[in-house]
Amino acid sequence: MLATTLRDKGLPCDALILLSTYSDGKGWNRAVGSLDYESSVFPEPRATIAALKARGFRVVTHEYPVVHESSPLYAGAVEQGFLLDDGYQRVTPGRRPSTNYHEGQRFIDFEEPAAGRWWWDAHRGLNADGVEGWWLDGGEGPTASDVLERPGGLALHNRFDLFRQQAFANGEARDDPDRRPFLLCRSGGAGMQRFGAACWSGDINNTWTTLEAQASLGLNAGLSGVPLWGTDIGGFYPVAPQSGELFARWFQFGTFNPVFRCHGQRWRMHVPWAYGPEIEAICRRYLDLRYRLMPYSYTLVRQAHETGLPLMRMLALVYPDDPEALDRSSEFLWGEDILVAPVTRGGARHWPVYLPRGAWYDFWTGVRYEGPGAVSVEAPIDRLPLFVRCGAILPLGPPVQHLSSYVPDEITLLTYPEGSTRSSLYDDDGETNAYRAGGFAWTTFSVEQLSGGLALRIAPAEGDPDVIAPGRTYSFRILASETPRSVRTADGTSVAWRRDGSFLIVPSGRGPTDIKLEW
């Protein structure tokens, strides 16, 4: 079983998507356009979903915005006028009719609010069974010739899926107002972020050229107000021979996408172990990194919620006065502190990177570079070029296999001292809508360079203390070549520090804390 293999191999994962039944391929439902389980695959669906949840896996089901004529829902939908006259796929004159899964289906008229409510109500059984997310595929809408009560199909094209997403978000809010919706959508537009909707770049090819185009797509989505975006890691259509190198490089890029998902037409070639132990080890390394960075990344999600700033940020968004930054679409910032330069050419073992103004540290080697300017760095197959802004304080969590009930009880503050800097960590319960009523907390960290050392401070948390793990401990991991002659708290108590390579490890206890290092 896929879930067992992931856990046995120690590959962190939070969600499994159950695909629809396509023709002879058996999926979770009887057919595309049906919400009934395929009994040969899920004879006991509620028990199966509960068993997956017990191991930390959320379940997401896949569907299209259609009802199949064989579905028990079809007749009622027709009677209430909830379906469009045109089917999911037109037959082009002069061509043979389709014999695939598109036949016998009709679009749901999501422009009609009653149709949206009816369709969500039909999902209540799945919701009760434990399904926690919805993959809303194929949302490009009806054909141009369809005439709805208000605009025609062509005019509705870019809004169709927003009506659909709104129907799911409203349904979730009515039935379980404390639950956050999760919608994975192929289509949408500005405003979809209000409905908990994420998008991905569609059914793309498995080529280096396609991978090279992905960063600019994600950056444009973020600039358009849609912060949650990702790709089919490895590419969907296998138009080229499957490549372990391509998969590894795509996986590294996906590590720094808001939505991180492996998927493809041949799904068995999109698991980390499909290309042998070397590629599997690379994937594990980046999975672990993504999960350790979760406190930092989750804080970026809160920033996106409050300000609209995306997680993936075009360099020019942060450095608008840098003319070189305007021309850089193949690299990006993860927040403001991490620069990501994906390798997108086969066989490349060195990679050019442009660094904006200021000092930057190579995440892997600790080498310091001064920007603005271009550099070339080593990029063996297991290394994604990553740089950390000088002055950054990155909150990292402990290694975990999933994020169910994730309340990290230890935070490592990865610190690159430069002048006087500060950073903040956001916490909420990670599950409910309690944050809307003040159920969240901010903790601020600061590091100040002194003439003879460093001052480290963790301020008291502001907000709801209940969202922070009782007894949470903090430690600073500080890039420093000098060895301190003393490390003491404000009251003079000596702190037992240690060195780990180029870093000093300074435990700071449960916070708030004031610590001074003297060289």
Protein backbone atom coordinates (compact mmCIF):
# COMPACT_ATOMS: atom_id res chain seq x y z
CA MET A 1 0.00 0.00 0.00
CA LEU A 2 1.32 3.45 -0.91
CA ALA A 3 0.66 4.88 2.56
CA THR A 4 2.61 2.07 4.23
CA THR A 5 5.57 2.46 1.88
CA LEU A 6 5.78 6.20 2.53
CA ARG A 7 5.81 5.71 6.29
CA ASP A 8 8.19 2.73 6.17
CA LYS A 9 10.65 4.71 4.07
CA GLY A 10 10.41 7.77 6.30
CA LEU A 11 9.21 10.05 3.51
CA PRO A 12 7.06 12.84 5.02
CA CYS A 13 3.61 13.14 3.47
CA ASP A 14 0.34 14.73 4.55
CA ALA A 15 -2.28 13.92 1.94
CA LEU A 16 -3.24 11.23 -0.53
CA ILE A 17 -5.45 12.09 -3.48
CA LEU A 18 -7.94 9.47 -4.67
CA LEU A 19 -8.33 9.75 -8.43
CA SER A 20 -11.60 9.20 -10.26
CA THR A 21 -12.36 6.08 -12.28
CA TYR A 22 -11.26 6.58 -15.88
CA SER A 23 -12.58 3.99 -18.33
CA ASP A 24 -10.95 0.69 -17.30
CA GLY A 25 -8.78 2.32 -14.64
CA LYS A 26 -10.47 1.96 -11.27
CA GLY A 27 -10.50 4.97 -8.95
CA TRP A 28 -12.40 6.01 -5.87
CA ASN A 29 -15.78 6.51 -7.65
CA ARG A 30 -17.81 4.48 -10.13
CA ALA A 31 -17.11 6.93 -12.95
CA VAL A 32 -16.22 10.53 -13.62
CA GLY A 33 -19.39 12.45 -12.81
CA SER A 34 -20.40 10.10 -10.00
CA LEU A 35 -20.03 10.51 -6.25
CA ASP A 36 -20.64 6.83 -5.51
CA TYR A 37 -17.69 4.70 -4.38
CA GLU A 38 -16.21 2.06 -6.64
CA SER A 39 -16.96 -0.92 -4.40
CA SER A 40 -14.14 -3.10 -5.73
CA VAL A 41 -11.63 -0.45 -4.64
CA PHE A 42 -13.36 0.87 -1.50
CA PRO A 43 -15.60 -1.81 -0.04
CA GLU A 44 -15.39 -0.09 3.37
CA PRO A 45 -14.58 3.54 2.57
CA ARG A 46 -15.16 5.03 6.01
CA ALA A 47 -12.89 2.48 7.68
CA THR A 48 -10.22 2.94 5.01
CA ILE A 49 -10.23 6.73 5.34
CA ALA A 50 -10.13 6.46 9.13
CA ALA A 51 -7.13 4.13 8.94
CA LEU A 52 -5.29 6.57 6.69
CA LYS A 53 -6.08 9.48 8.99
CA ALA A 54 -4.76 7.52 11.96
CA ARG A 55 -1.40 7.41 10.17
CA GLY A 56 -1.40 11.14 9.49
CA PHE A 57 -2.77 11.14 5.95
CA ARG A 58 -5.56 13.50 4.87
CA VAL A 59 -7.78 12.21 2.05
CA VAL A 60 -8.66 14.33 -0.98
CA THR A 61 -11.05 13.13 -3.68
CA HIS A 62 -10.86 14.04 -7.36
CA GLU A 63 -13.78 15.12 -9.53
CA TYR A 64 -14.92 17.12 -12.56
CA PRO A 65 -17.77 19.70 -12.65
CA VAL A 66 -20.09 17.23 -14.32
CA VAL A 67 -22.78 14.66 -13.56
CA HIS A 68 -22.78 11.37 -15.44
CA GLU A 69 -26.07 10.09 -16.79
CA SER A 70 -25.53 6.83 -14.85
CA SER A 71 -25.31 8.69 -11.53
CA PRO A 72 -28.34 8.55 -9.20
CA LEU A 73 -28.01 12.34 -9.02
CA TYR A 74 -28.56 12.85 -12.74
CA ALA A 75 -32.34 12.70 -12.98
CA GLY A 76 -32.88 15.10 -10.10
CA ALA A 77 -30.36 17.53 -11.53
CA VAL A 78 -32.13 17.50 -14.89
CA GLU A 79 -35.52 17.99 -13.25
CA GLN A 80 -34.29 21.01 -11.28
CA GLY A 81 -32.53 22.55 -14.28
CA PHE A 82 -29.05 22.34 -12.76
CA LEU A 83 -27.28 20.96 -15.85
CA LEU A 84 -26.25 22.68 -19.05
CA ASP A 85 -27.61 21.38 -22.33
CA ASP A 86 -24.16 20.79 -23.76
CA GLY A 87 -22.06 17.84 -22.67
CA TYR A 88 -18.57 17.92 -21.25
CA GLN A 89 -16.98 17.39 -24.66
CA ARG A 90 -18.30 18.36 -28.07
CA VAL A 91 -17.82 16.06 -31.05
CA THR A 92 -15.92 17.91 -33.78
CA PRO A 93 -17.62 17.59 -37.19
CA GLY A 94 -15.91 14.98 -39.32
CA ARG A 95 -14.38 13.18 -36.36
CA ARG A 96 -15.54 10.01 -34.69
CA PRO A 97 -17.43 10.42 -31.41
CA SER A 98 -15.36 10.04 -28.28
CA THR A 99 -15.43 6.68 -26.51
CA ASN A 100 -13.64 7.84 -23.38
CA TYR A 101 -14.85 8.93 -19.97
CA HIS A 102 -16.23 12.24 -21.24
CA GLU A 103 -19.28 10.61 -22.79
CA GLY A 104 -22.63 10.77 -21.06
CA GLN A 105 -21.82 13.77 -18.88
CA ARG A 106 -23.20 17.27 -18.59
CA PHE A 107 -21.79 20.35 -16.92
CA ILE A 108 -23.32 21.61 -13.70
CA ASP A 109 -24.57 25.19 -14.02
CA PHE A 110 -22.53 26.68 -11.17
CA GLU A 111 -23.65 30.15 -12.17
CA GLU A 112 -26.95 29.19 -10.54
CA PRO A 113 -26.43 29.36 -6.72
CA ALA A 114 -29.05 26.68 -6.10
CA ALA A 115 -27.09 24.26 -8.28
CA GLY A 116 -23.96 24.95 -6.25
CA ARG A 117 -25.81 24.30 -2.99
CA TRP A 118 -27.28 21.09 -4.38
CA TRP A 119 -23.86 19.83 -5.50
CA TRP A 120 -22.27 20.53 -2.13
CA ASP A 121 -25.14 18.79 -0.36
CA ALA A 122 -24.38 15.72 -2.48
CA HIS A 123 -20.86 15.71 -0.96
CA ARG A 124 -22.04 15.56 2.63
CA GLY A 125 -21.70 11.79 2.73
CA LEU A 126 -18.06 12.00 1.61
CA ASN A 127 -17.47 14.69 4.18
CA ALA A 128 -18.94 12.50 6.90
CA ASP A 129 -16.71 9.63 5.75
CA GLY A 130 -13.65 11.75 6.48
CA VAL A 131 -12.76 13.32 3.14
CA GLU A 132 -11.03 16.62 4.01
CA GLY A 133 -10.18 18.16 0.66
CA TRP A 134 -11.49 18.39 -2.87
CA TRP A 135 -9.55 18.22 -6.11
CA LEU A 136 -11.77 20.23 -8.45
CA ASP A 137 -10.35 19.27 -11.84
CA GLY A 138 -11.42 20.41 -15.31
CA GLY A 139 -12.89 23.76 -14.30
CA GLU A 140 -12.39 25.60 -17.58
CA GLY A 141 -16.13 25.76 -17.99
CA PRO A 142 -18.64 25.20 -20.76
CA THR A 143 -17.97 25.65 -24.45
CA ALA A 144 -18.22 29.06 -26.09
CA SER A 145 -21.60 28.31 -27.65
CA ASP A 146 -23.34 27.46 -24.39
CA VAL A 147 -25.90 30.06 -23.39
CA LEU A 148 -26.59 30.43 -19.70
CA GLU A 149 -29.23 32.54 -18.05
CA ARG A 150 -26.84 35.47 -17.96
CA PRO A 151 -23.51 35.39 -19.88
CA GLY A 152 -22.72 32.83 -22.54
CA GLY A 153 -20.10 30.13 -22.10
CA LEU A 154 -17.29 32.21 -23.57
CA ALA A 155 -17.97 35.11 -21.23
CA LEU A 156 -18.17 32.74 -18.26
CA HIS A 157 -14.95 30.85 -19.05
CA ASN A 158 -12.73 32.61 -16.51
CA ARG A 159 -15.41 32.79 -13.82
CA PHE A 160 -16.97 29.33 -14.05
CA ASP A 161 -14.62 27.70 -11.56
CA LEU A 162 -14.91 30.59 -9.11
CA PHE A 163 -18.63 29.91 -8.84
CA ARG A 164 -17.81 26.26 -8.26
CA GLN A 165 -15.17 27.06 -5.63
CA GLN A 166 -17.56 29.42 -3.90
CA ALA A 167 -20.17 26.66 -3.72
CA PHE A 168 -17.72 24.37 -1.90
CA ALA A 169 -16.44 27.09 0.43
CA ASN A 170 -19.98 28.16 1.32
CA GLY A 171 -21.00 24.56 1.86
CA GLU A 172 -18.08 23.89 4.19
CA ALA A 173 -18.87 27.11 6.09
CA ARG A 174 -22.52 26.09 6.57
CA ASP A 175 -21.86 22.51 7.64
CA ASP A 176 -18.66 22.96 9.63
CA PRO A 177 -17.93 26.64 10.21
CA ASP A 178 -14.78 25.86 12.18
CA ARG A 179 -13.13 23.96 9.33
CA ARG A 180 -10.78 25.46 6.76
CA PRO A 181 -11.63 24.44 3.19
CA PHE A 182 -8.98 23.01 0.88
CA LEU A 183 -9.66 23.07 -2.86
CA LEU A 184 -7.09 22.06 -5.48
CA CYS A 185 -8.15 23.60 -8.78
CA ARG A 186 -6.92 23.55 -12.37
CA SER A 187 -8.69 26.81 -13.14
CA GLY A 188 -9.90 29.91 -11.41
CA GLY A 189 -8.82 33.51 -11.19
CA ALA A 190 -8.45 36.50 -8.94
CA GLY A 191 -10.61 35.95 -5.88
CA MET A 192 -10.19 32.18 -5.68
CA GLN A 193 -7.89 32.64 -2.68
CA ARG A 194 -10.92 33.72 -0.64
CA PHE A 195 -12.37 30.22 -0.97
CA GLY A 196 -9.32 28.25 0.22
CA ALA A 197 -8.57 27.43 -3.41
CA ALA A 198 -5.10 26.56 -4.66
CA CYS A 199 -4.19 26.06 -8.31
CA TRP A 200 -1.54 24.20 -10.24
CA SER A 201 -0.06 24.74 -13.66
CA GLY A 202 -2.12 22.08 -15.39
CA ASP A 203 -1.37 18.87 -17.28
CA ILE A 204 2.14 19.70 -18.44
CA ASN A 205 4.82 17.69 -20.24
CA ASN A 206 7.73 15.93 -18.57
CA THR A 207 10.47 17.92 -20.28
CA TRP A 208 13.26 20.22 -19.15
CA THR A 209 11.76 23.03 -21.22
CA THR A 210 8.49 22.68 -19.33
CA LEU A 211 10.26 22.68 -15.96
CA GLU A 212 12.13 25.83 -16.97
CA ALA A 213 8.82 27.66 -17.52
CA GLN A 214 7.27 26.78 -14.17
CA ALA A 215 8.90 29.39 -11.90
CA SER A 216 7.59 32.30 -13.98
CA LEU A 217 4.10 30.77 -13.92
CA GLY A 218 4.16 30.53 -10.13
CA LEU A 219 5.48 34.06 -9.77
CA ASN A 220 2.75 35.44 -12.01
CA ALA A 221 0.08 33.57 -10.05
CA GLY A 222 1.39 35.16 -6.86
CA LEU A 223 1.48 38.62 -8.41
CA SER A 224 -2.15 38.07 -9.46
CA GLY A 225 -3.25 37.64 -5.85
CA VAL A 226 -3.27 33.81 -5.82
CA PRO A 227 -0.58 32.75 -3.33
CA LEU A 228 -1.28 28.98 -3.27
CA TRP A 229 0.22 27.40 -6.40
CA GLY A 230 2.16 24.33 -7.48
CA THR A 231 2.91 21.93 -10.32
CA ASP A 232 2.71 18.26 -11.19
CA ILE A 233 6.20 17.37 -9.97
CA GLY A 234 7.88 15.45 -12.76
CA GLY A 235 5.37 16.63 -15.37
CA PHE A 236 2.03 15.05 -16.19
CA TYR A 237 2.32 13.83 -19.79
CA PRO A 238 5.23 11.42 -20.40
CA VAL A 239 6.11 12.76 -23.85
CA ALA A 240 9.83 12.13 -23.17
CA PRO A 241 11.58 9.19 -21.50
CA GLN A 242 11.14 9.26 -17.74
CA SER A 243 14.27 10.73 -16.13
CA GLY A 244 15.43 10.41 -12.56
CA GLU A 245 17.53 13.56 -12.91
CA LEU A 246 14.54 15.58 -14.14
CA PHE A 247 12.37 14.22 -11.34
CA ALA A 248 15.00 15.13 -8.71
CA ARG A 249 15.42 18.67 -10.05
CA TRP A 250 11.64 19.16 -10.26
CA PHE A 251 11.29 17.79 -6.73
CA GLN A 252 13.84 20.33 -5.47
CA PHE A 253 11.91 23.14 -7.16
CA GLY A 254 8.63 21.84 -5.71
CA THR A 255 10.09 21.97 -2.21
CA PHE A 256 9.71 25.74 -2.48
CA ASN A 257 6.24 25.81 -4.01
CA PRO A 258 3.26 26.64 -1.79
CA VAL A 259 1.55 23.43 -3.01
CA PHE A 260 3.94 20.47 -3.09
CA ARG A 261 2.51 17.52 -5.01
CA CYS A 262 3.85 14.65 -7.08
CA HIS A 263 1.48 13.60 -9.85
CA GLY A 264 1.49 12.35 -13.41
CA GLN A 265 -0.30 10.18 -15.94
CA ARG A 266 1.96 7.29 -14.90
CA TRP A 267 1.70 7.95 -11.19
CA ARG A 268 4.07 5.12 -10.24
CA MET A 269 6.87 7.12 -11.85
CA HIS A 270 6.12 10.03 -9.53
CA VAL A 271 7.09 8.45 -6.22
CA PRO A 272 10.59 9.08 -4.82
CA TRP A 273 11.69 5.44 -5.07
CA ALA A 274 10.78 5.06 -8.75
CA TYR A 275 14.31 5.94 -9.91
CA GLY A 276 16.45 4.06 -7.44
CA PRO A 277 18.06 4.75 -4.04
CA GLU A 278 20.09 7.82 -5.07
CA ILE A 279 17.05 9.79 -6.25
CA GLU A 280 15.01 8.54 -3.29
CA ALA A 281 17.67 9.86 -0.90
CA ILE A 282 17.63 13.24 -2.64
CA CYS A 283 13.85 13.43 -2.36
CA ARG A 284 13.99 12.52 1.32
CA ARG A 285 16.54 15.27 1.93
CA TYR A 286 14.27 17.91 0.43
CA LEU A 287 11.12 16.57 2.08
CA ASP A 288 12.88 16.84 5.42
CA LEU A 289 13.99 20.38 4.58
CA ARG A 290 10.47 21.44 3.59
CA TYR A 291 8.99 20.09 6.80
CA ARG A 292 11.72 21.59 8.98
CA LEU A 293 11.06 24.97 7.34
CA MET A 294 7.34 24.75 8.15
CA PRO A 295 7.38 27.37 10.98
CA TYR A 296 9.02 29.86 8.60
CA SER A 297 6.76 28.94 5.68
CA TYR A 298 3.58 28.98 7.77
CA THR A 299 4.47 32.49 8.91
CA LEU A 300 4.65 33.44 5.21
CA VAL A 301 1.14 32.01 4.75
CA ARG A 302 -0.12 34.31 7.50
CA GLN A 303 1.58 37.24 5.76
CA ALA A 304 -0.18 36.27 2.54
CA HIS A 305 -3.49 36.18 4.41
CA GLU A 306 -2.95 39.63 5.90
CA THR A 307 -1.22 41.48 3.07
CA GLY A 308 -1.62 39.49 -0.14
CA LEU A 309 2.13 39.01 -0.47
CA PRO A 310 2.81 35.61 -2.07
CA LEU A 311 5.15 33.01 -0.63
CA MET A 312 7.04 32.79 -3.95
CA ARG A 313 8.19 36.35 -4.58
CA MET A 314 9.63 37.79 -7.75
CA LEU A 315 12.96 39.47 -7.00
CA ALA A 316 11.60 42.80 -8.23
CA LEU A 317 8.80 42.62 -5.65
CA VAL A 318 11.38 42.92 -2.88
CA TYR A 319 14.03 44.85 -4.83
CA PRO A 320 11.96 47.15 -7.07
CA ASP A 321 14.86 49.55 -7.67
CA ASP A 322 17.11 46.83 -9.10
CA PRO A 323 16.78 46.75 -12.92
CA GLU A 324 18.38 43.29 -13.06
CA ALA A 325 15.69 41.93 -10.74
CA LEU A 326 13.00 42.80 -13.29
CA ASP A 327 14.51 40.38 -15.81
CA ARG A 328 14.88 37.42 -13.44
CA SER A 329 11.98 34.98 -13.70
CA SER A 330 13.90 31.70 -13.30
CA GLU A 331 14.77 32.32 -9.64
CA PHE A 332 12.71 33.70 -6.79
CA LEU A 333 12.56 34.52 -3.12
CA TRP A 334 10.80 32.32 -0.58
CA GLY A 335 9.60 35.11 1.66
CA GLU A 336 12.34 37.71 1.89
CA ASP A 337 15.11 35.63 3.40
CA ILE A 338 15.65 32.61 1.12
CA LEU A 339 16.65 32.86 -2.54
CA VAL A 340 15.85 29.81 -4.69
CA ALA A 341 17.52 29.21 -8.07
CA PRO A 342 16.12 25.97 -9.53
CA VAL A 343 18.33 23.97 -11.88
CA THR A 344 16.31 23.47 -15.06
CA ARG A 345 18.82 22.03 -17.56
CA GLY A 346 19.74 18.38 -17.83
CA GLY A 347 23.35 17.55 -17.00
CA ALA A 348 24.03 20.91 -15.31
CA ARG A 349 26.44 20.70 -12.38
CA HIS A 350 27.14 24.43 -12.07
CA TRP A 351 24.42 27.07 -12.11
CA PRO A 352 24.31 30.85 -12.61
CA VAL A 353 22.55 32.86 -9.92
CA TYR A 354 21.84 36.56 -9.63
CA LEU A 355 22.03 37.93 -6.08
CA PRO A 356 20.32 41.25 -5.22
CA ARG A 357 22.05 43.86 -3.09
CA GLY A 358 23.44 42.91 0.27
CA ALA A 359 25.28 39.85 1.48
CA TRP A 360 24.04 36.30 0.88
CA TYR A 361 25.17 32.97 2.29
CA ASP A 362 25.15 29.71 0.38
CA PHE A 363 22.76 27.56 2.44
CA TRP A 364 24.82 24.41 1.89
CA THR A 365 28.41 25.62 2.10
CA GLY A 366 28.19 28.80 4.18
CA VAL A 367 30.19 30.73 1.60
CA ARG A 368 29.40 34.44 1.68
CA TYR A 369 28.66 36.41 -1.50
CA GLU A 370 28.15 40.12 -1.97
CA GLY A 371 25.35 41.40 -4.16
CA PRO A 372 24.25 42.81 -6.44
CA GLY A 373 25.84 40.60 -9.02
CA ALA A 374 25.86 37.23 -10.74
CA VAL A 375 27.72 34.19 -9.43
CA SER A 376 28.17 30.62 -10.59
CA VAL A 377 27.82 27.93 -7.94
CA GLU A 378 28.33 24.20 -7.84
CA ALA A 379 25.07 22.31 -8.31
CA PRO A 380 25.56 18.55 -8.13
CA ILE A 381 22.37 16.56 -8.64
CA ASP A 382 21.59 16.57 -4.91
CA ARG A 383 22.00 20.34 -4.50
CA LEU A 384 19.45 23.03 -5.25
CA PRO A 385 21.16 26.44 -5.27
CA LEU A 386 19.82 28.14 -2.12
CA PHE A 387 20.96 31.36 -0.49
CA VAL A 388 20.01 32.99 2.80
CA ARG A 389 19.96 36.75 3.22
CA CYS A 390 22.56 38.05 5.62
CA GLY A 391 20.70 39.13 8.76
CA ALA A 392 18.03 36.46 8.46
CA ILE A 393 16.65 34.57 11.45
CA LEU A 394 14.84 31.46 10.18
CA PRO A 395 12.61 29.55 12.63
CA LEU A 396 12.87 25.80 11.97
CA GLY A 397 10.84 22.99 13.50
CA PRO A 398 11.81 19.42 14.36
CA PRO A 399 11.76 16.64 11.73
CA VAL A 400 8.26 15.15 11.38
CA GLN A 401 6.49 12.73 9.05
CA HIS A 402 3.26 14.73 8.81
CA LEU A 403 1.60 17.85 10.16
CA SER A 404 -1.47 16.38 11.85
CA SER A 405 -1.67 17.92 15.32
CA TYR A 406 1.52 19.82 14.49
CA VAL A 407 2.44 21.98 17.47
CA PRO A 408 6.26 22.10 17.42
CA ASP A 409 7.72 21.91 20.91
CA GLU A 410 11.21 22.97 19.84
CA ILE A 411 12.23 25.78 17.50
CA THR A 412 15.72 26.25 16.08
CA LEU A 413 16.52 29.82 15.08
CA LEU A 414 18.93 29.57 12.15
CA THR A 415 20.74 32.90 12.36
CA TYR A 416 23.03 34.79 9.99
CA PRO A 417 24.04 37.86 12.03
CA GLU A 418 24.30 41.27 10.36
CA GLY A 419 23.76 44.52 12.22
CA SER A 420 20.48 44.65 14.13
CA THR A 421 17.83 42.28 12.78
CA ARG A 422 14.55 40.81 13.91
CA SER A 423 12.14 38.12 12.79
CA SER A 424 8.74 36.84 13.88
CA LEU A 425 7.09 33.44 14.17
CA TYR A 426 3.35 32.95 13.73
CA ASP A 427 1.41 30.21 15.53
CA ASP A 428 -2.21 29.06 15.46
CA ASP A 429 -3.82 25.67 15.93
CA GLY A 430 -3.24 24.76 12.29
CA GLU A 431 -6.70 23.25 11.93
CA THR A 432 -9.63 25.51 12.70
CA ASN A 433 -10.89 29.02 12.06
CA ALA A 434 -10.17 30.10 15.64
CA TYR A 435 -7.48 32.43 14.29
CA ARG A 436 -10.28 34.64 12.96
CA ALA A 437 -11.30 35.33 16.55
CA GLY A 438 -7.81 35.94 17.89
CA GLY A 439 -6.65 32.35 18.31
CA PHE A 440 -3.07 33.03 17.22
CA ALA A 441 0.23 34.27 18.59
CA TRP A 442 3.34 36.09 17.36
CA THR A 443 6.80 35.60 18.84
CA THR A 444 9.56 38.04 17.91
CA PHE A 445 13.28 37.27 17.85
CA SER A 446 16.12 39.76 17.51
CA VAL A 447 19.87 39.55 17.06
CA GLU A 448 22.12 42.59 17.43
CA GLN A 449 25.78 42.73 16.56
CA LEU A 450 27.77 44.48 19.29
CA SER A 451 31.34 45.73 19.15
CA GLY A 452 32.47 42.68 21.07
CA GLY A 453 29.78 40.09 20.53
CA LEU A 454 26.08 39.46 19.97
CA ALA A 455 22.86 40.16 21.86
CA LEU A 456 20.13 37.56 21.39
CA ARG A 457 16.57 38.18 22.50
CA ILE A 458 13.28 36.28 22.40
CA ALA A 459 10.41 38.58 23.32
CA PRO A 460 7.32 37.36 25.19
CA ALA A 461 4.74 35.90 22.82
CA GLU A 462 1.85 38.19 21.98
CA GLY A 463 -1.62 36.75 21.53
CA ASP A 464 -3.18 33.45 22.55
CA PRO A 465 -0.65 31.36 24.55
CA ASP A 466 -2.74 28.20 24.10
CA VAL A 467 -1.65 27.81 20.45
CA ILE A 468 2.00 27.41 21.51
CA ALA A 469 3.18 24.02 22.75
CA PRO A 470 3.53 23.99 26.55
CA GLY A 471 7.20 24.00 27.44
CA ARG A 472 8.38 24.87 23.93
CA THR A 473 12.13 25.38 23.87
CA TYR A 474 14.24 27.54 21.58
CA SER A 475 17.84 27.43 20.50
CA PHE A 476 19.90 29.73 18.30
CA ARG A 477 22.03 28.20 15.57
CA ILE A 478 24.36 31.06 14.68
CA LEU A 479 26.78 31.24 11.79
CA ALA A 480 29.94 32.52 13.48
CA SER A 481 33.65 32.06 12.91
CA GLU A 482 34.63 33.52 16.29
CA THR A 483 34.50 31.54 19.50
CA PRO A 484 32.79 33.30 22.40
CA ARG A 485 34.70 33.64 25.65
CA SER A 486 31.39 33.90 27.52
CA VAL A 487 27.70 33.28 26.90
CA ARG A 488 25.42 34.57 29.64
CA THR A 489 21.82 35.52 30.30
CA ALA A 490 20.85 39.00 31.45
CA ASP A 491 21.15 37.94 35.11
CA GLY A 492 24.67 36.61 34.54
CA THR A 493 23.84 32.90 34.36
CA SER A 494 26.25 31.02 32.13
CA VAL A 495 24.74 29.27 29.10
CA ALA A 496 26.23 25.98 27.93
CA TRP A 497 26.86 26.45 24.21
CA ARG A 498 28.58 24.20 21.70
CA ARG A 499 29.99 24.42 18.20
CA ASP A 500 28.69 22.46 15.21
CA GLY A 501 30.98 23.16 12.27
CA SER A 502 30.57 26.82 11.30
CA PHE A 503 27.65 27.31 13.69
CA LEU A 504 27.33 28.05 17.38
CA ILE A 505 24.45 26.27 19.10
CA VAL A 506 23.10 28.42 21.94
CA PRO A 507 20.12 26.97 23.83
CA SER A 508 17.82 29.65 25.14
CA GLY A 509 15.32 27.60 27.09
CA ARG A 510 11.62 28.30 27.08
CA GLY A 511 11.80 32.04 26.43
CA PRO A 512 11.45 34.95 26.74
CA THR A 513 15.22 35.25 26.82
CA ASP A 514 18.06 37.77 26.77
CA ILE A 515 21.48 36.29 26.06
CA LYS A 516 24.76 38.03 25.39
CA LEU A 517 27.75 36.50 23.63
CA GLU A 518 31.15 38.12 24.19
CA TRP A 519 34.11 37.39 21.92
